[in-house]
């Protein structure tokens, strides 16, 4: 049977309830009184057993409790970076501290004073052309086509009187007209001293053209040859960059005319004497590779001699890298081949 209390009885029952206190023998002991604060200097650290000062060990930073894993290609969170132990610390070792060597550690070997110096590269590669030189050459290349086109227009307007006009080879077409065999437009020039030209035959014999004269047509090749032979100011300005005259430049480098009259790369064409057209950064990398002691020793032992450059690839290497670098780059290939030959001979003798 359940016992029910009224709200008034419940309140008085709770207020009259006394809290339970454990017996004295079950209560915890009282805390000890606080110790008095005494400012005392810490004793000096005694040296460790291994001979190193004790403060060397105490000054090392504590290792992290657990490793930190970061996915490849991701940065750790800022909180992770703040929790990492710094790797920079200072040792407070005294000047009198000496390092001990374990019994099983090998003793350091003293360097011999008679060690031979490593072989070094002895070649000196040609320097590259400067940016100012390339800019000046581009200016000359731009001036030449402009001057050429202006003089060509004037020659064409002269109607057979200027440079570039040549004798036309005339033929008769199906309608009986006289035309040039090349298909170019022709100009008839009256010339009393010209040889008689037969234009047909009748019952009395050959019929000659009256008045006497000749047919001429404009030839681009003939005009260009005449322009180059003149060696005008634009061509001479280009030749000055190569320290020569226009006629010598064109005879020594015939392809430079094509560069002047067409689109080209900035470093295309021949360099001036003693220079190369290669990129300065690439040339520096080649020189650094050739200066390696192992490469220099390999070249010195097995490099041999270098044949003159004749192929297109070899000539292009000389244009970009120069004669000295071409020979130096060819010698490692000779050395590798010599090593392979020696190895094959040794294998055959062993067998």
Protein backbone atom coordinates (compact mmCIF):
# COMPACT_ATOMS: atom_id res chain seq x y z
CA UNK A 1 0.00 0.00 0.00
CA UNK A 2 1.45 3.36 -1.04
CA UNK A 3 1.73 6.14 1.53
CA UNK A 4 0.84 9.60 0.27
CA UNK A 5 2.00 12.84 1.93
CA UNK A 6 0.48 16.21 1.47
CA UNK A 7 2.55 19.07 0.05
CA UNK A 8 2.82 20.57 3.55
CA UNK A 9 4.08 17.30 5.03
CA UNK A 10 6.62 16.87 2.26
CA UNK A 11 8.12 20.31 2.87
CA UNK A 12 8.48 19.75 6.63
CA UNK A 13 9.91 16.30 6.06
CA UNK A 14 12.67 17.69 3.89
CA UNK A 15 13.45 20.60 6.22
CA UNK A 16 13.67 18.30 9.28
CA UNK A 17 16.08 15.92 7.51
CA UNK A 18 19.62 16.12 8.95
CA UNK A 19 22.56 15.65 6.55
CA UNK A 20 24.68 12.53 6.96
CA UNK A 21 28.26 12.97 8.14
CA UNK A 22 30.75 10.07 7.98
CA UNK A 23 32.48 8.97 11.17
CA UNK A 24 35.75 10.64 12.12
CA UNK A 25 37.87 7.61 11.22
CA UNK A 26 36.44 7.71 7.65
CA UNK A 27 37.08 11.42 7.00
CA UNK A 28 40.16 12.37 4.79
CA UNK A 29 43.19 13.82 6.60
CA UNK A 30 43.54 17.62 6.57
CA UNK A 31 45.91 19.16 3.96
CA UNK A 32 49.44 20.03 5.14
CA UNK A 33 50.23 23.68 5.86
CA UNK A 34 51.88 25.60 3.00
CA UNK A 35 55.69 25.73 3.02
CA UNK A 36 57.27 29.14 3.55
CA UNK A 37 58.68 30.82 0.43
CA UNK A 38 62.48 30.91 0.56
CA UNK A 39 64.50 32.48 -2.28
CA UNK A 40 67.43 30.12 -2.70
CA UNK A 41 69.90 30.00 -5.53
CA UNK A 42 69.97 26.69 -7.43
CA UNK A 43 73.18 24.78 -7.00
CA UNK A 44 75.57 24.73 -9.93
CA UNK A 45 75.11 21.80 -12.31
CA UNK A 46 77.65 19.08 -11.79
CA UNK A 47 79.38 17.71 -14.89
CA UNK A 48 77.91 14.56 -16.35
CA UNK A 49 79.59 11.21 -16.19
CA UNK A 50 80.53 11.33 -19.84
CA UNK A 51 82.51 14.51 -19.45
CA UNK A 52 79.94 16.87 -21.04
CA UNK A 53 78.55 19.69 -18.86
CA UNK A 54 75.20 18.91 -17.26
CA UNK A 55 73.65 22.10 -18.67
CA UNK A 56 74.14 20.72 -22.20
CA UNK A 57 71.55 18.04 -21.49
CA UNK A 58 69.23 20.32 -19.60
CA UNK A 59 69.15 22.94 -22.36
CA UNK A 60 67.92 20.53 -25.03
CA UNK A 61 64.25 21.01 -25.93
CA UNK A 62 61.78 18.33 -25.00
CA UNK A 63 60.71 16.01 -27.82
CA UNK A 64 57.08 16.11 -28.91
CA UNK A 65 54.83 13.52 -27.32
CA UNK A 66 53.55 12.19 -30.63
CA UNK A 67 54.59 12.59 -34.27
CA UNK A 68 52.68 14.98 -36.48
CA UNK A 69 51.48 13.55 -39.79
CA UNK A 70 50.74 15.87 -42.71
CA UNK A 71 49.40 14.71 -46.07
CA UNK A 72 51.66 15.16 -49.09
CA UNK A 73 50.97 18.46 -50.80
CA UNK A 74 49.11 19.95 -47.80
CA UNK A 75 50.23 22.43 -45.18
CA UNK A 76 49.78 21.61 -41.47
CA UNK A 77 47.25 23.55 -39.48
CA UNK A 78 48.38 26.64 -37.61
CA UNK A 79 47.83 24.92 -34.26
CA UNK A 80 50.10 22.06 -35.31
CA UNK A 81 52.83 24.46 -36.32
CA UNK A 82 52.59 26.27 -32.98
CA UNK A 83 52.93 23.00 -31.06
CA UNK A 84 56.09 21.89 -32.86
CA UNK A 85 59.29 22.08 -30.87
CA UNK A 86 61.73 24.61 -32.38
CA UNK A 87 64.83 23.04 -33.85
CA UNK A 88 67.10 25.99 -33.09
CA UNK A 89 68.74 25.98 -29.72
CA UNK A 90 71.99 27.20 -28.26
CA UNK A 91 74.53 25.11 -26.41
CA UNK A 92 76.04 26.70 -23.34
CA UNK A 93 79.15 24.54 -23.29
CA UNK A 94 82.20 26.09 -21.71
CA UNK A 95 85.44 26.59 -23.58
CA UNK A 96 87.15 23.89 -21.52
CA UNK A 97 84.69 21.13 -22.47
CA UNK A 98 86.25 18.37 -24.58
CA UNK A 99 84.52 15.76 -26.70
CA UNK A 100 85.16 12.11 -25.88
CA UNK A 101 85.60 9.39 -28.49
CA UNK A 102 84.19 5.95 -27.89
CA UNK A 103 86.56 3.01 -27.95
CA UNK A 104 84.93 1.42 -30.99
CA UNK A 105 84.93 4.63 -33.10
CA UNK A 106 87.70 4.87 -35.71
CA UNK A 107 90.23 7.58 -35.18
CA UNK A 108 90.18 10.49 -37.64
CA UNK A 109 92.57 10.10 -40.54
CA UNK A 110 95.00 12.96 -41.06
CA UNK A 111 94.98 14.46 -44.54
CA UNK A 112 98.09 13.78 -46.54
CA UNK A 113 100.00 16.78 -47.79
CA UNK A 114 100.88 15.00 -51.02
CA UNK A 115 97.32 14.51 -52.35
CA UNK A 116 97.20 15.35 -56.07
CA UNK A 117 94.92 18.18 -57.07
CA UNK A 118 91.76 17.21 -58.97
CA UNK A 119 91.94 17.93 -62.71
CA UNK A 120 90.10 21.01 -63.82
CA UNK A 121 88.84 22.19 -67.17
CA UNK A 122 91.47 24.19 -69.04
CA UNK A 123 89.46 25.38 -72.03
CA UNK A 124 87.96 28.87 -72.30
CA UNK A 125 84.72 29.09 -74.24
CA UNK A 126 83.86 32.02 -76.48
CA UNK A 127 81.60 34.63 -74.83
CA UNK A 128 78.07 35.15 -76.16
CA UNK A 129 76.96 38.22 -78.06
CA UNK A 130 75.47 40.97 -75.96
CA UNK A 131 71.87 42.12 -75.99
CA UNK A 132 72.96 45.53 -77.33
CA UNK A 133 74.69 43.88 -80.27
CA UNK A 134 71.57 41.86 -81.12
CA UNK A 135 69.43 44.99 -80.92
CA UNK A 136 71.78 46.90 -83.23
CA UNK A 137 71.72 44.04 -85.73
CA UNK A 138 67.93 43.97 -85.70
CA UNK A 139 67.92 47.70 -86.47
CA UNK A 140 70.16 47.07 -89.47
CA UNK A 141 67.98 44.18 -90.59
CA UNK A 142 64.94 46.45 -90.47
CA UNK A 143 66.63 49.23 -92.46
CA UNK A 144 67.81 47.00 -95.32
CA UNK A 145 64.34 45.83 -96.55
CA UNK A 146 62.95 49.37 -96.41
CA UNK A 147 65.81 50.74 -98.50
CA UNK A 148 65.64 47.78 -100.87
CA UNK A 149 61.93 48.18 -101.57
CA UNK A 150 62.28 51.92 -102.17
CA UNK A 151 65.06 51.44 -104.72
CA UNK A 152 63.20 48.60 -106.42
CA UNK A 153 60.09 50.73 -106.87
CA UNK A 154 62.18 53.46 -108.47
CA UNK A 155 63.85 50.98 -110.83
CA UNK A 156 60.54 49.51 -111.94
CA UNK A 157 59.18 52.97 -112.66
CA UNK A 158 62.12 53.74 -114.94
CA UNK A 159 60.60 51.59 -117.76
CA UNK A 160 63.72 49.67 -118.63
CA UNK A 161 66.31 52.31 -117.73
CA UNK A 162 67.13 51.37 -114.11
CA UNK A 163 68.90 48.37 -112.57
CA UNK A 164 67.17 45.01 -112.68
CA UNK A 165 65.99 45.17 -116.30
CA UNK A 166 67.28 42.34 -118.50
CA UNK A 167 66.82 41.29 -122.10
CA UNK A 168 63.57 39.36 -122.53
CA UNK A 169 63.43 36.13 -124.49
CA UNK A 170 60.47 36.64 -126.80
CA UNK A 171 58.28 33.88 -128.28
CA UNK A 172 55.15 33.87 -130.38
CA UNK A 173 51.90 32.69 -128.82
CA UNK A 174 49.03 30.95 -130.61
CA UNK A 175 47.62 34.26 -131.82
CA UNK A 176 50.91 35.42 -133.30
CA UNK A 177 51.75 37.94 -130.61
CA UNK A 178 55.27 38.32 -129.24
CA UNK A 179 55.41 37.57 -125.50
CA UNK A 180 58.16 36.87 -122.97
CA UNK A 181 59.01 33.23 -122.41
CA UNK A 182 59.00 33.83 -118.63
CA UNK A 183 55.52 35.35 -118.72
CA UNK A 184 56.74 38.65 -117.22
CA UNK A 185 55.63 42.02 -118.56
CA UNK A 186 58.00 43.45 -121.12
CA UNK A 187 58.96 46.93 -122.26
CA UNK A 188 60.09 47.72 -125.81
CA UNK A 189 63.00 50.11 -125.97
CA UNK A 190 63.85 51.78 -129.26
CA UNK A 191 67.51 51.29 -130.05
CA UNK A 192 68.90 52.06 -133.54
CA UNK A 193 72.02 50.13 -132.74
CA UNK A 194 70.12 47.00 -131.71
CA UNK A 195 70.41 43.86 -133.82
CA UNK A 196 67.58 43.39 -136.35
CA UNK A 197 64.79 41.21 -134.96
CA UNK A 198 62.93 38.85 -137.24
CA UNK A 199 59.19 38.96 -136.66
CA UNK A 200 58.04 36.79 -139.55
CA UNK A 201 58.47 35.77 -143.17
CA UNK A 202 56.75 36.68 -146.42
CA UNK A 203 57.28 35.82 -150.08
CA UNK A 204 60.36 38.01 -150.17
CA UNK A 205 61.96 36.53 -147.06
CA UNK A 206 62.25 37.52 -143.39
CA UNK A 207 60.43 40.52 -142.02
CA UNK A 208 62.28 42.64 -139.46
CA UNK A 209 60.78 44.73 -136.67
CA UNK A 210 60.63 48.44 -137.35
CA UNK A 211 61.78 50.52 -135.64
CA UNK A 212 64.77 48.63 -134.29
CA UNK A 213 64.88 47.99 -130.57
CA UNK A 214 64.67 45.35 -127.90
CA UNK A 215 62.26 43.93 -125.33
CA UNK A 216 63.31 43.98 -121.66
CA UNK A 217 61.69 42.67 -118.47
CA UNK A 218 62.31 43.28 -114.78
CA UNK A 219 64.21 40.56 -112.92
CA UNK A 220 64.06 40.43 -109.13
CA UNK A 221 67.26 38.38 -108.92
CA UNK A 222 69.14 40.80 -111.12
CA UNK A 223 68.03 43.79 -109.10
CA UNK A 224 68.93 42.09 -105.77
CA UNK A 225 72.38 41.21 -107.08
CA UNK A 226 72.90 44.80 -108.17
CA UNK A 227 71.70 46.08 -104.78
CA UNK A 228 74.12 43.84 -102.89
CA UNK A 229 77.00 44.78 -105.20
CA UNK A 230 76.42 48.47 -104.52
CA UNK A 231 77.02 47.96 -100.76
CA UNK A 232 74.91 50.89 -99.68
CA UNK A 233 74.72 52.48 -96.25
CA UNK A 234 72.28 49.92 -94.73
CA UNK A 235 74.45 46.99 -95.78
CA UNK A 236 77.58 48.71 -94.53
CA UNK A 237 75.91 49.39 -91.18
CA UNK A 238 75.31 45.66 -90.88
CA UNK A 239 78.87 44.89 -91.93
CA UNK A 240 80.24 47.26 -89.28
CA UNK A 241 78.74 44.99 -86.59
CA UNK A 242 80.93 42.20 -87.98
CA UNK A 243 84.02 44.45 -88.27
CA UNK A 244 84.25 44.11 -92.06
CA UNK A 245 82.89 45.61 -95.27
CA UNK A 246 79.63 44.72 -97.02
CA UNK A 247 81.21 42.75 -99.87
CA UNK A 248 83.29 40.60 -97.50
CA UNK A 249 80.35 40.01 -95.17
CA UNK A 250 78.09 38.80 -97.98
CA UNK A 251 80.83 36.63 -99.46
CA UNK A 252 81.64 35.06 -96.09
CA UNK A 253 78.02 34.65 -94.95
CA UNK A 254 75.72 34.46 -98.01
CA UNK A 255 72.77 33.36 -95.87
CA UNK A 256 72.73 36.68 -94.02
CA UNK A 257 70.90 38.26 -96.96
CA UNK A 258 67.99 35.88 -96.41
CA UNK A 259 67.86 36.85 -92.74
CA UNK A 260 67.74 40.53 -93.65
CA UNK A 261 64.81 40.08 -96.05
CA UNK A 262 62.66 37.56 -94.12
CA UNK A 263 61.40 36.71 -90.64
CA UNK A 264 64.00 35.14 -88.38
CA UNK A 265 64.86 34.35 -84.79
CA UNK A 266 66.67 36.95 -82.73
CA UNK A 267 69.87 34.90 -82.48
CA UNK A 268 69.72 33.44 -85.99
CA UNK A 269 72.64 33.76 -88.33
CA UNK A 270 76.38 33.91 -87.79
CA UNK A 271 78.02 35.57 -84.78
CA UNK A 272 80.89 38.04 -85.05
CA UNK A 273 84.43 36.75 -84.70
CA UNK A 274 85.21 35.50 -81.20
CA UNK A 275 81.55 35.37 -80.12
CA UNK A 276 78.76 32.80 -80.11
CA UNK A 277 75.00 33.05 -80.55
CA UNK A 278 74.03 30.71 -77.70
CA UNK A 279 72.00 31.65 -74.64
CA UNK A 280 74.26 32.89 -71.80
CA UNK A 281 72.51 30.67 -69.25
CA UNK A 282 72.96 27.53 -71.34
CA UNK A 283 76.60 28.37 -71.99
CA UNK A 284 77.20 28.80 -68.26
CA UNK A 285 75.65 25.37 -67.58
CA UNK A 286 77.91 23.77 -70.21
CA UNK A 287 80.99 25.42 -68.72
CA UNK A 288 79.97 24.24 -65.25
CA UNK A 289 79.55 20.68 -66.50
CA UNK A 290 82.90 20.72 -68.28
CA UNK A 291 84.60 22.07 -65.16
CA UNK A 292 83.56 19.01 -63.13
CA UNK A 293 86.76 17.23 -62.01
CA UNK A 294 85.50 13.80 -63.06
CA UNK A 295 84.51 15.02 -66.53
CA UNK A 296 87.80 16.87 -66.89
CA UNK A 297 89.75 13.75 -65.87
CA UNK A 298 87.77 11.61 -68.33
CA UNK A 299 88.47 14.07 -71.14
CA UNK A 300 92.15 14.29 -70.24
CA UNK A 301 92.60 10.53 -70.22
CA UNK A 302 90.47 9.40 -73.15
CA UNK A 303 89.23 12.52 -74.99
CA UNK A 304 91.64 12.29 -77.89
CA UNK A 305 91.45 14.67 -80.84
CA UNK A 306 88.39 16.19 -82.50
CA UNK A 307 87.69 16.04 -86.24
CA UNK A 308 86.65 19.24 -88.03
CA UNK A 309 82.93 20.00 -88.01
CA UNK A 310 81.27 19.12 -91.31
CA UNK A 311 77.71 17.98 -90.57
CA UNK A 312 74.81 20.34 -90.13
CA UNK A 313 74.44 19.50 -86.44
CA UNK A 314 78.13 20.09 -85.77
CA UNK A 315 78.09 23.42 -87.59
CA UNK A 316 75.03 24.52 -85.62
CA UNK A 317 76.76 23.58 -82.36
CA UNK A 318 79.73 25.68 -83.35
CA UNK A 319 77.46 28.62 -84.17
CA UNK A 320 75.71 28.44 -80.80
CA UNK A 321 78.54 27.24 -78.54
CA UNK A 322 81.75 28.13 -80.34
CA UNK A 323 84.74 26.16 -81.51
CA UNK A 324 86.19 25.60 -78.03
CA UNK A 325 82.97 24.26 -76.51
CA UNK A 326 82.28 22.13 -79.57
CA UNK A 327 85.64 20.41 -79.21
CA UNK A 328 85.24 20.07 -75.44
CA UNK A 329 81.75 18.57 -75.77
CA UNK A 330 82.97 16.14 -78.44
CA UNK A 331 85.82 14.78 -76.29
CA UNK A 332 83.52 13.17 -73.64
CA UNK A 333 81.84 11.18 -76.44
CA UNK A 334 85.27 10.08 -77.62
CA UNK A 335 86.17 9.14 -74.05
CA UNK A 336 83.01 7.07 -73.59
CA UNK A 337 83.69 5.23 -76.82
CA UNK A 338 87.29 4.57 -75.76
CA UNK A 339 86.13 3.15 -72.43
CA UNK A 340 83.64 0.89 -74.20
CA UNK A 341 86.35 -0.30 -76.58
CA UNK A 342 88.71 -1.08 -73.69
CA UNK A 343 85.97 -2.96 -71.86
CA UNK A 344 85.13 -5.02 -74.95
CA UNK A 345 88.80 -5.86 -75.49
CA UNK A 346 89.19 -6.91 -71.87
CA UNK A 347 86.09 -9.10 -72.11
CA UNK A 348 87.40 -10.80 -75.25
CA UNK A 349 90.78 -11.46 -73.69
CA UNK A 350 89.16 -12.85 -70.54
CA UNK A 351 87.02 -15.23 -72.58
